[in-house]
Amino acid sequence: VQAGGSLTLDCVASGSTDTMNAIGWYRQA
């Protein structure tokens, strides 16, 4: 995407999701 633009990321969780209580995003260059 060009600077100033937008994107939407999706994260689908499966498995024993009820053993967790939060979903987060990290990034690494």
mmCIF file of all heavy atoms, coordinates in Angstrom:
data_MODEL
# 
_entry.id   MODEL 
# 
loop_
_atom_site.group_PDB 
_atom_site.id 
_atom_site.type_symbol 
_atom_site.label_atom_id 
_atom_site.label_alt_id 
_atom_site.label_comp_id 
_atom_site.label_asym_id 
_atom_site.label_entity_id 
_atom_site.label_seq_id 
_atom_site.pdbx_PDB_ins_code 
_atom_site.Cartn_x 
_atom_site.Cartn_y 
_atom_site.Cartn_z 
_atom_site.occupancy 
_atom_site.B_iso_or_equiv 
_atom_site.pdbx_formal_charge 
_atom_site.auth_seq_id 
_atom_site.auth_comp_id 
_atom_site.auth_asym_id 
_atom_site.auth_atom_id 
_atom_site.pdbx_PDB_model_num 
ATOM 1   N N   . VAL A 1 1  ? 0.844   -1.181  0.000  1.00 0.00 ? 1  VAL A N   1 
ATOM 2   C CA  . VAL A 1 1  ? 0.000   0.000   0.000  1.00 0.00 ? 1  VAL A CA  1 
ATOM 3   C C   . VAL A 1 1  ? 0.886   1.239   0.000  1.00 0.00 ? 1  VAL A C   1 
ATOM 4   O O   . VAL A 1 1  ? 2.003   1.216   0.515  1.00 0.00 ? 1  VAL A O   1 
ATOM 5   C CB  . VAL A 1 1  ? -0.955  -0.010  1.219  1.00 0.00 ? 1  VAL A CB  1 
ATOM 6   C CG1 . VAL A 1 1  ? -0.166  0.105   2.521  1.00 0.00 ? 1  VAL A CG1 1 
ATOM 7   C CG2 . VAL A 1 1  ? -1.995  1.086   1.119  1.00 0.00 ? 1  VAL A CG2 1 
ATOM 8   N N   . GLN A 1 2  ? 0.394   2.307   -0.586 1.00 0.00 ? 2  GLN A N   1 
ATOM 9   C CA  . GLN A 1 2  ? 1.126   3.565   -0.582 1.00 0.00 ? 2  GLN A CA  1 
ATOM 10  C C   . GLN A 1 2  ? 0.981   4.263   0.762  1.00 0.00 ? 2  GLN A C   1 
ATOM 11  O O   . GLN A 1 2  ? 0.004   4.056   1.485  1.00 0.00 ? 2  GLN A O   1 
ATOM 12  C CB  . GLN A 1 2  ? 0.630   4.489   -1.693 1.00 0.00 ? 2  GLN A CB  1 
ATOM 13  C CG  . GLN A 1 2  ? 0.947   4.008   -3.094 1.00 0.00 ? 2  GLN A CG  1 
ATOM 14  C CD  . GLN A 1 2  ? 0.529   5.005   -4.154 1.00 0.00 ? 2  GLN A CD  1 
ATOM 15  O OE1 . GLN A 1 2  ? -0.215  5.944   -3.889 1.00 0.00 ? 2  GLN A OE1 1 
ATOM 16  N NE2 . GLN A 1 2  ? 1.012   4.811   -5.364 1.00 0.00 ? 2  GLN A NE2 1 
ATOM 17  N N   . ALA A 1 3  ? 1.971   5.075   1.079  1.00 0.00 ? 3  ALA A N   1 
ATOM 18  C CA  . ALA A 1 3  ? 1.896   5.867   2.301  1.00 0.00 ? 3  ALA A CA  1 
ATOM 19  C C   . ALA A 1 3  ? 0.605   6.674   2.327  1.00 0.00 ? 3  ALA A C   1 
ATOM 20  O O   . ALA A 1 3  ? 0.197   7.259   1.324  1.00 0.00 ? 3  ALA A O   1 
ATOM 21  C CB  . ALA A 1 3  ? 3.103   6.786   2.413  1.00 0.00 ? 3  ALA A CB  1 
ATOM 22  N N   . GLY A 1 4  ? -0.017  6.684   3.489  1.00 0.00 ? 4  GLY A N   1 
ATOM 23  C CA  . GLY A 1 4  ? -1.293  7.348   3.645  1.00 0.00 ? 4  GLY A CA  1 
ATOM 24  C C   . GLY A 1 4  ? -2.487  6.453   3.415  1.00 0.00 ? 4  GLY A C   1 
ATOM 25  O O   . GLY A 1 4  ? -3.619  6.844   3.734  1.00 0.00 ? 4  GLY A O   1 
ATOM 26  N N   . GLY A 1 5  ? -2.251  5.273   2.890  1.00 0.00 ? 5  GLY A N   1 
ATOM 27  C CA  . GLY A 1 5  ? -3.321  4.343   2.614  1.00 0.00 ? 5  GLY A CA  1 
ATOM 28  C C   . GLY A 1 5  ? -3.698  3.513   3.820  1.00 0.00 ? 5  GLY A C   1 
ATOM 29  O O   . GLY A 1 5  ? -3.190  3.709   4.931  1.00 0.00 ? 5  GLY A O   1 
ATOM 30  N N   . SER A 1 6  ? -4.583  2.555   3.580  1.00 0.00 ? 6  SER A N   1 
ATOM 31  C CA  . SER A 1 6  ? -5.130  1.734   4.650  1.00 0.00 ? 6  SER A CA  1 
ATOM 32  C C   . SER A 1 6  ? -5.118  0.264   4.273  1.00 0.00 ? 6  SER A C   1 
ATOM 33  O O   . SER A 1 6  ? -5.191  -0.098  3.098  1.00 0.00 ? 6  SER A O   1 
ATOM 34  C CB  . SER A 1 6  ? -6.568  2.147   4.964  1.00 0.00 ? 6  SER A CB  1 
ATOM 35  O OG  . SER A 1 6  ? -6.652  3.489   5.384  1.00 0.00 ? 6  SER A OG  1 
ATOM 36  N N   . LEU A 1 7  ? -5.031  -0.568  5.282  1.00 0.00 ? 7  LEU A N   1 
ATOM 37  C CA  . LEU A 1 7  ? -5.176  -2.008  5.161  1.00 0.00 ? 7  LEU A CA  1 
ATOM 38  C C   . LEU A 1 7  ? -5.891  -2.529  6.387  1.00 0.00 ? 7  LEU A C   1 
ATOM 39  O O   . LEU A 1 7  ? -5.799  -1.931  7.467  1.00 0.00 ? 7  LEU A O   1 
ATOM 40  C CB  . LEU A 1 7  ? -3.822  -2.713  5.049  1.00 0.00 ? 7  LEU A CB  1 
ATOM 41  C CG  . LEU A 1 7  ? -3.069  -2.675  3.724  1.00 0.00 ? 7  LEU A CG  1 
ATOM 42  C CD1 . LEU A 1 7  ? -1.685  -3.310  3.913  1.00 0.00 ? 7  LEU A CD1 1 
ATOM 43  C CD2 . LEU A 1 7  ? -3.833  -3.403  2.641  1.00 0.00 ? 7  LEU A CD2 1 
ATOM 44  N N   . THR A 1 8  ? -6.583  -3.645  6.224  1.00 0.00 ? 8  THR A N   1 
ATOM 45  C CA  . THR A 1 8  ? -7.187  -4.336  7.344  1.00 0.00 ? 8  THR A CA  1 
ATOM 46  C C   . THR A 1 8  ? -6.636  -5.748  7.413  1.00 0.00 ? 8  THR A C   1 
ATOM 47  O O   . THR A 1 8  ? -6.683  -6.490  6.427  1.00 0.00 ? 8  THR A O   1 
ATOM 48  C CB  . THR A 1 8  ? -8.719  -4.388  7.227  1.00 0.00 ? 8  THR A CB  1 
ATOM 49  O OG1 . THR A 1 8  ? -9.237  -3.053  7.230  1.00 0.00 ? 8  THR A OG1 1 
ATOM 50  C CG2 . THR A 1 8  ? -9.317  -5.143  8.404  1.00 0.00 ? 8  THR A CG2 1 
ATOM 51  N N   . LEU A 1 9  ? -6.104  -6.113  8.553  1.00 0.00 ? 9  LEU A N   1 
ATOM 52  C CA  . LEU A 1 9  ? -5.596  -7.447  8.791  1.00 0.00 ? 9  LEU A CA  1 
ATOM 53  C C   . LEU A 1 9  ? -6.627  -8.254  9.572  1.00 0.00 ? 9  LEU A C   1 
ATOM 54  O O   . LEU A 1 9  ? -7.308  -7.714  10.447 1.00 0.00 ? 9  LEU A O   1 
ATOM 55  C CB  . LEU A 1 9  ? -4.289  -7.406  9.577  1.00 0.00 ? 9  LEU A CB  1 
ATOM 56  C CG  . LEU A 1 9  ? -3.169  -6.542  9.004  1.00 0.00 ? 9  LEU A CG  1 
ATOM 57  C CD1 . LEU A 1 9  ? -1.932  -6.643  9.895  1.00 0.00 ? 9  LEU A CD1 1 
ATOM 58  C CD2 . LEU A 1 9  ? -2.850  -6.937  7.575  1.00 0.00 ? 9  LEU A CD2 1 
ATOM 59  N N   . ASP A 1 10 ? -6.713  -9.532  9.252  1.00 0.00 ? 10 ASP A N   1 
ATOM 60  C CA  . ASP A 1 10 ? -7.597  -10.451 9.957  1.00 0.00 ? 10 ASP A CA  1 
ATOM 61  C C   . ASP A 1 10 ? -6.764  -11.499 10.673 1.00 0.00 ? 10 ASP A C   1 
ATOM 62  O O   . ASP A 1 10 ? -5.727  -11.933 10.170 1.00 0.00 ? 10 ASP A O   1 
ATOM 63  C CB  . ASP A 1 10 ? -8.543  -11.174 9.000  1.00 0.00 ? 10 ASP A CB  1 
ATOM 64  C CG  . ASP A 1 10 ? -9.421  -10.253 8.194  1.00 0.00 ? 10 ASP A CG  1 
ATOM 65  O OD1 . ASP A 1 10 ? -9.563  -9.077  8.575  1.00 0.00 ? 10 ASP A OD1 1 
ATOM 66  O OD2 . ASP A 1 10 ? -9.985  -10.718 7.181  1.00 0.00 ? 10 ASP A OD2 1 
ATOM 67  N N   . CYS A 1 11 ? -7.237  -11.922 11.815 1.00 0.00 ? 11 CYS A N   1 
ATOM 68  C CA  . CYS A 1 11 ? -6.623  -13.013 12.555 1.00 0.00 ? 11 CYS A CA  1 
ATOM 69  C C   . CYS A 1 11 ? -7.724  -13.961 13.000 1.00 0.00 ? 11 CYS A C   1 
ATOM 70  O O   . CYS A 1 11 ? -8.584  -13.574 13.799 1.00 0.00 ? 11 CYS A O   1 
ATOM 71  C CB  . CYS A 1 11 ? -5.850  -12.482 13.761 1.00 0.00 ? 11 CYS A CB  1 
ATOM 72  S SG  . CYS A 1 11 ? -5.202  -13.763 14.855 1.00 0.00 ? 11 CYS A SG  1 
ATOM 73  N N   . VAL A 1 12 ? -7.690  -15.183 12.493 1.00 0.00 ? 12 VAL A N   1 
ATOM 74  C CA  . VAL A 1 12 ? -8.669  -16.195 12.848 1.00 0.00 ? 12 VAL A CA  1 
ATOM 75  C C   . VAL A 1 12 ? -8.018  -17.188 13.797 1.00 0.00 ? 12 VAL A C   1 
ATOM 76  O O   . VAL A 1 12 ? -6.989  -17.780 13.473 1.00 0.00 ? 12 VAL A O   1 
ATOM 77  C CB  . VAL A 1 12 ? -9.215  -16.916 11.610 1.00 0.00 ? 12 VAL A CB  1 
ATOM 78  C CG1 . VAL A 1 12 ? -10.240 -17.968 12.028 1.00 0.00 ? 12 VAL A CG1 1 
ATOM 79  C CG2 . VAL A 1 12 ? -9.844  -15.925 10.647 1.00 0.00 ? 12 VAL A CG2 1 
ATOM 80  N N   . ALA A 1 13 ? -8.612  -17.360 14.950 1.00 0.00 ? 13 ALA A N   1 
ATOM 81  C CA  . ALA A 1 13 ? -8.097  -18.268 15.961 1.00 0.00 ? 13 ALA A CA  1 
ATOM 82  C C   . ALA A 1 13 ? -8.935  -19.534 16.014 1.00 0.00 ? 13 ALA A C   1 
ATOM 83  O O   . ALA A 1 13 ? -10.158 -19.498 15.867 1.00 0.00 ? 13 ALA A O   1 
ATOM 84  C CB  . ALA A 1 13 ? -8.080  -17.595 17.331 1.00 0.00 ? 13 ALA A CB  1 
ATOM 85  N N   . SER A 1 14 ? -8.269  -20.654 16.237 1.00 0.00 ? 14 SER A N   1 
ATOM 86  C CA  . SER A 1 14 ? -8.957  -21.929 16.377 1.00 0.00 ? 14 SER A CA  1 
ATOM 87  C C   . SER A 1 14 ? -8.246  -22.768 17.430 1.00 0.00 ? 14 SER A C   1 
ATOM 88  O O   . SER A 1 14 ? -7.166  -22.425 17.898 1.00 0.00 ? 14 SER A O   1 
ATOM 89  C CB  . SER A 1 14 ? -9.022  -22.676 15.038 1.00 0.00 ? 14 SER A CB  1 
ATOM 90  O OG  . SER A 1 14 ? -7.724  -22.940 14.541 1.00 0.00 ? 14 SER A OG  1 
ATOM 91  N N   . GLY A 1 15 ? -8.856  -23.885 17.782 1.00 0.00 ? 15 GLY A N   1 
ATOM 92  C CA  . GLY A 1 15 ? -8.303  -24.727 18.826 1.00 0.00 ? 15 GLY A CA  1 
ATOM 93  C C   . GLY A 1 15 ? -8.864  -24.343 20.182 1.00 0.00 ? 15 GLY A C   1 
ATOM 94  O O   . GLY A 1 15 ? -10.027 -23.978 20.306 1.00 0.00 ? 15 GLY A O   1 
ATOM 95  N N   . SER A 1 16 ? -8.021  -24.400 21.172 1.00 0.00 ? 16 SER A N   1 
ATOM 96  C CA  . SER A 1 16 ? -8.447  -24.143 22.547 1.00 0.00 ? 16 SER A CA  1 
ATOM 97  C C   . SER A 1 16 ? -8.435  -22.656 22.858 1.00 0.00 ? 16 SER A C   1 
ATOM 98  O O   . SER A 1 16 ? -7.742  -22.185 23.770 1.00 0.00 ? 16 SER A O   1 
ATOM 99  C CB  . SER A 1 16 ? -7.555  -24.913 23.520 1.00 0.00 ? 16 SER A CB  1 
ATOM 100 O OG  . SER A 1 16 ? -7.593  -26.300 23.274 1.00 0.00 ? 16 SER A OG  1 
ATOM 101 N N   . THR A 1 17 ? -9.216  -21.930 22.096 1.00 0.00 ? 17 THR A N   1 
ATOM 102 C CA  . THR A 1 17 ? -9.210  -20.479 22.237 1.00 0.00 ? 17 THR A CA  1 
ATOM 103 C C   . THR A 1 17 ? -9.756  -20.025 23.580 1.00 0.00 ? 17 THR A C   1 
ATOM 104 O O   . THR A 1 17 ? -9.399  -18.939 24.045 1.00 0.00 ? 17 THR A O   1 
ATOM 105 C CB  . THR A 1 17 ? -10.008 -19.816 21.115 1.00 0.00 ? 17 THR A CB  1 
ATOM 106 O OG1 . THR A 1 17 ? -11.344 -20.313 21.121 1.00 0.00 ? 17 THR A OG1 1 
ATOM 107 C CG2 . THR A 1 17 ? -9.369  -20.104 19.763 1.00 0.00 ? 17 THR A CG2 1 
ATOM 108 N N   . ASP A 1 18 ? -10.602 -20.829 24.186 1.00 0.00 ? 18 ASP A N   1 
ATOM 109 C CA  . ASP A 1 18 ? -11.176 -20.429 25.465 1.00 0.00 ? 18 ASP A CA  1 
ATOM 110 C C   . ASP A 1 18 ? -10.189 -20.545 26.618 1.00 0.00 ? 18 ASP A C   1 
ATOM 111 O O   . ASP A 1 18 ? -10.504 -20.128 27.734 1.00 0.00 ? 18 ASP A O   1 
ATOM 112 C CB  . ASP A 1 18 ? -12.453 -21.215 25.770 1.00 0.00 ? 18 ASP A CB  1 
ATOM 113 C CG  . ASP A 1 18 ? -12.260 -22.718 25.750 1.00 0.00 ? 18 ASP A CG  1 
ATOM 114 O OD1 . ASP A 1 18 ? -11.145 -23.186 25.450 1.00 0.00 ? 18 ASP A OD1 1 
ATOM 115 O OD2 . ASP A 1 18 ? -13.238 -23.436 26.036 1.00 0.00 ? 18 ASP A OD2 1 
ATOM 116 N N   . THR A 1 19 ? -9.014  -21.086 26.356 1.00 0.00 ? 19 THR A N   1 
ATOM 117 C CA  . THR A 1 19 ? -7.974  -21.088 27.380 1.00 0.00 ? 19 THR A CA  1 
ATOM 118 C C   . THR A 1 19 ? -7.203  -19.770 27.402 1.00 0.00 ? 19 THR A C   1 
ATOM 119 O O   . THR A 1 19 ? -6.397  -19.549 28.309 1.00 0.00 ? 19 THR A O   1 
ATOM 120 C CB  . THR A 1 19 ? -6.989  -22.244 27.166 1.00 0.00 ? 19 THR A CB  1 
ATOM 121 O OG1 . THR A 1 19 ? -6.275  -22.066 25.936 1.00 0.00 ? 19 THR A OG1 1 
ATOM 122 C CG2 . THR A 1 19 ? -7.724  -23.572 27.121 1.00 0.00 ? 19 THR A CG2 1 
ATOM 123 N N   . MET A 1 20 ? -7.425  -18.921 26.413 1.00 0.00 ? 20 MET A N   1 
ATOM 124 C CA  . MET A 1 20 ? -6.827  -17.600 26.353 1.00 0.00 ? 20 MET A CA  1 
ATOM 125 C C   . MET A 1 20 ? -7.905  -16.557 26.608 1.00 0.00 ? 20 MET A C   1 
ATOM 126 O O   . MET A 1 20 ? -9.092  -16.866 26.577 1.00 0.00 ? 20 MET A O   1 
ATOM 127 C CB  . MET A 1 20 ? -6.182  -17.347 24.988 1.00 0.00 ? 20 MET A CB  1 
ATOM 128 C CG  . MET A 1 20 ? -5.153  -18.394 24.572 1.00 0.00 ? 20 MET A CG  1 
ATOM 129 S SD  . MET A 1 20 ? -3.645  -18.346 25.564 1.00 0.00 ? 20 MET A SD  1 
ATOM 130 C CE  . MET A 1 20 ? -3.877  -19.825 26.570 1.00 0.00 ? 20 MET A CE  1 
ATOM 131 N N   . ASN A 1 21 ? -7.489  -15.342 26.831 1.00 0.00 ? 21 ASN A N   1 
ATOM 132 C CA  . ASN A 1 21 ? -8.480  -14.295 27.032 1.00 0.00 ? 21 ASN A CA  1 
ATOM 133 C C   . ASN A 1 21 ? -8.190  -13.024 26.255 1.00 0.00 ? 21 ASN A C   1 
ATOM 134 O O   . ASN A 1 21 ? -8.854  -12.004 26.477 1.00 0.00 ? 21 ASN A O   1 
ATOM 135 C CB  . ASN A 1 21 ? -8.655  -13.985 28.523 1.00 0.00 ? 21 ASN A CB  1 
ATOM 136 C CG  . ASN A 1 21 ? -7.454  -13.300 29.145 1.00 0.00 ? 21 ASN A CG  1 
ATOM 137 O OD1 . ASN A 1 21 ? -6.425  -13.093 28.512 1.00 0.00 ? 21 ASN A OD1 1 
ATOM 138 N ND2 . ASN A 1 21 ? -7.591  -12.949 30.428 1.00 0.00 ? 21 ASN A ND2 1 
ATOM 139 N N   . ALA A 1 22 ? -7.238  -13.084 25.328 1.00 0.00 ? 22 ALA A N   1 
ATOM 140 C CA  . ALA A 1 22 ? -6.920  -11.895 24.558 1.00 0.00 ? 22 ALA A CA  1 
ATOM 141 C C   . ALA A 1 22 ? -6.237  -12.277 23.258 1.00 0.00 ? 22 ALA A C   1 
ATOM 142 O O   . ALA A 1 22 ? -5.592  -13.329 23.158 1.00 0.00 ? 22 ALA A O   1 
ATOM 143 C CB  . ALA A 1 22 ? -6.029  -10.946 25.356 1.00 0.00 ? 22 ALA A CB  1 
ATOM 144 N N   . ILE A 1 23 ? -6.380  -11.422 22.261 1.00 0.00 ? 23 ILE A N   1 
ATOM 145 C CA  . ILE A 1 23 ? -5.713  -11.555 20.975 1.00 0.00 ? 23 ILE A CA  1 
ATOM 146 C C   . ILE A 1 23 ? -4.954  -10.262 20.708 1.00 0.00 ? 23 ILE A C   1 
ATOM 147 O O   . ILE A 1 23 ? -5.510  -9.173  20.870 1.00 0.00 ? 23 ILE A O   1 
ATOM 148 C CB  . ILE A 1 23 ? -6.709  -11.819 19.833 1.00 0.00 ? 23 ILE A CB  1 
ATOM 149 C CG1 . ILE A 1 23 ? -7.507  -13.103 20.092 1.00 0.00 ? 23 ILE A CG1 1 
ATOM 150 C CG2 . ILE A 1 23 ? -5.974  -11.882 18.493 1.00 0.00 ? 23 ILE A CG2 1 
ATOM 151 C CD1 . ILE A 1 23 ? -6.695  -14.370 20.011 1.00 0.00 ? 23 ILE A CD1 1 
ATOM 152 N N   . GLY A 1 24 ? -3.712  -10.390 20.291 1.00 0.00 ? 24 GLY A N   1 
ATOM 153 C CA  . GLY A 1 24 ? -2.901  -9.215  20.049 1.00 0.00 ? 24 GLY A CA  1 
ATOM 154 C C   . GLY A 1 24 ? -2.161  -9.270  18.733 1.00 0.00 ? 24 GLY A C   1 
ATOM 155 O O   . GLY A 1 24 ? -2.091  -10.308 18.072 1.00 0.00 ? 24 GLY A O   1 
ATOM 156 N N   . TRP A 1 25 ? -1.620  -8.127  18.355 1.00 0.00 ? 25 TRP A N   1 
ATOM 157 C CA  . TRP A 1 25 ? -0.814  -7.995  17.156 1.00 0.00 ? 25 TRP A CA  1 
ATOM 158 C C   . TRP A 1 25 ? 0.570   -7.467  17.523 1.00 0.00 ? 25 TRP A C   1 
ATOM 159 O O   . TRP A 1 25 ? 0.692   -6.526  18.321 1.00 0.00 ? 25 TRP A O   1 
ATOM 160 C CB  . TRP A 1 25 ? -1.445  -7.030  16.150 1.00 0.00 ? 25 TRP A CB  1 
ATOM 161 C CG  . TRP A 1 25 ? -2.661  -7.561  15.457 1.00 0.00 ? 25 TRP A CG  1 
ATOM 162 C CD1 . TRP A 1 25 ? -3.955  -7.372  15.809 1.00 0.00 ? 25 TRP A CD1 1 
ATOM 163 C CD2 . TRP A 1 25 ? -2.675  -8.361  14.275 1.00 0.00 ? 25 TRP A CD2 1 
ATOM 164 N NE1 . TRP A 1 25 ? -4.790  -8.001  14.926 1.00 0.00 ? 25 TRP A NE1 1 
ATOM 165 C CE2 . TRP A 1 25 ? -4.029  -8.618  13.972 1.00 0.00 ? 25 TRP A CE2 1 
ATOM 166 C CE3 . TRP A 1 25 ? -1.687  -8.881  13.440 1.00 0.00 ? 25 TRP A CE3 1 
ATOM 167 C CZ2 . TRP A 1 25 ? -4.413  -9.383  12.866 1.00 0.00 ? 25 TRP A CZ2 1 
ATOM 168 C CZ3 . TRP A 1 25 ? -2.071  -9.640  12.350 1.00 0.00 ? 25 TRP A CZ3 1 
ATOM 169 C CH2 . TRP A 1 25 ? -3.418  -9.878  12.073 1.00 0.00 ? 25 TRP A CH2 1 
ATOM 170 N N   . TYR A 1 26 ? 1.578   -8.077  16.921 1.00 0.00 ? 26 TYR A N   1 
ATOM 171 C CA  . TYR A 1 26 ? 2.943   -7.594  16.994 1.00 0.00 ? 26 TYR A CA  1 
ATOM 172 C C   . TYR A 1 26 ? 3.472   -7.431  15.577 1.00 0.00 ? 26 TYR A C   1 
ATOM 173 O O   . TYR A 1 26 ? 2.892   -7.955  14.620 1.00 0.00 ? 26 TYR A O   1 
ATOM 174 C CB  . TYR A 1 26 ? 3.840   -8.567  17.767 1.00 0.00 ? 26 TYR A CB  1 
ATOM 175 C CG  . TYR A 1 26 ? 3.632   -8.551  19.270 1.00 0.00 ? 26 TYR A CG  1 
ATOM 176 C CD1 . TYR A 1 26 ? 2.472   -9.046  19.839 1.00 0.00 ? 26 TYR A CD1 1 
ATOM 177 C CD2 . TYR A 1 26 ? 4.622   -8.049  20.109 1.00 0.00 ? 26 TYR A CD2 1 
ATOM 178 C CE1 . TYR A 1 26 ? 2.290   -9.037  21.208 1.00 0.00 ? 26 TYR A CE1 1 
ATOM 179 C CE2 . TYR A 1 26 ? 4.453   -8.042  21.480 1.00 0.00 ? 26 TYR A CE2 1 
ATOM 180 C CZ  . TYR A 1 26 ? 3.286   -8.539  22.024 1.00 0.00 ? 26 TYR A CZ  1 
ATOM 181 O OH  . TYR A 1 26 ? 3.117   -8.533  23.388 1.00 0.00 ? 26 TYR A OH  1 
ATOM 182 N N   . ARG A 1 27 ? 4.571   -6.715  15.443 1.00 0.00 ? 27 ARG A N   1 
ATOM 183 C CA  . ARG A 1 27 ? 5.191   -6.565  14.135 1.00 0.00 ? 27 ARG A CA  1 
ATOM 184 C C   . ARG A 1 27 ? 6.705   -6.568  14.276 1.00 0.00 ? 27 ARG A C   1 
ATOM 185 O O   . ARG A 1 27 ? 7.257   -6.184  15.301 1.00 0.00 ? 27 ARG A O   1 
ATOM 186 C CB  . ARG A 1 27 ? 4.717   -5.286  13.435 1.00 0.00 ? 27 ARG A CB  1 
ATOM 187 C CG  . ARG A 1 27 ? 5.137   -3.997  14.111 1.00 0.00 ? 27 ARG A CG  1 
ATOM 188 C CD  . ARG A 1 27 ? 4.483   -2.803  13.419 1.00 0.00 ? 27 ARG A CD  1 
ATOM 189 N NE  . ARG A 1 27 ? 4.912   -1.539  13.984 1.00 0.00 ? 27 ARG A NE  1 
ATOM 190 C CZ  . ARG A 1 27 ? 4.430   -0.360  13.625 1.00 0.00 ? 27 ARG A CZ  1 
ATOM 191 N NH1 . ARG A 1 27 ? 3.482   -0.286  12.685 1.00 0.00 ? 27 ARG A NH1 1 
ATOM 192 N NH2 . ARG A 1 27 ? 4.881   0.756   14.197 1.00 0.00 ? 27 ARG A NH2 1 
ATOM 193 N N   . GLN A 1 28 ? 7.360   -6.992  13.201 1.00 0.00 ? 28 GLN A N   1 
ATOM 194 C CA  . GLN A 1 28 ? 8.811   -7.059  13.200 1.00 0.00 ? 28 GLN A CA  1 
ATOM 195 C C   . GLN A 1 28 ? 9.344   -6.756  11.812 1.00 0.00 ? 28 GLN A C   1 
ATOM 196 O O   . GLN A 1 28 ? 8.969   -7.408  10.837 1.00 0.00 ? 28 GLN A O   1 
ATOM 197 C CB  . GLN A 1 28 ? 9.307   -8.430  13.656 1.00 0.00 ? 28 GLN A CB  1 
ATOM 198 C CG  . GLN A 1 28 ? 10.805  -8.519  13.813 1.00 0.00 ? 28 GLN A CG  1 
ATOM 199 C CD  . GLN A 1 28 ? 11.249  -9.816  14.450 1.00 0.00 ? 28 GLN A CD  1 
ATOM 200 O OE1 . GLN A 1 28 ? 10.535  -10.817 14.412 1.00 0.00 ? 28 GLN A OE1 1 
ATOM 201 N NE2 . GLN A 1 28 ? 12.424  -9.799  15.048 1.00 0.00 ? 28 GLN A NE2 1 
ATOM 202 N N   . ALA A 1 29 ? 10.200  -5.766  11.736 1.00 0.00 ? 29 ALA A N   1 
ATOM 203 C CA  . ALA A 1 29 ? 10.908  -5.451  10.510 1.00 0.00 ? 29 ALA A CA  1 
ATOM 204 C C   . ALA A 1 29 ? 12.255  -6.170  10.516 1.00 0.00 ? 29 ALA A C   1 
ATOM 205 O O   . ALA A 1 29 ? 12.787  -6.480  11.585 1.00 0.00 ? 29 ALA A O   1 
ATOM 206 C CB  . ALA A 1 29 ? 11.110  -3.946  10.378 1.00 0.00 ? 29 ALA A CB  1 
# 
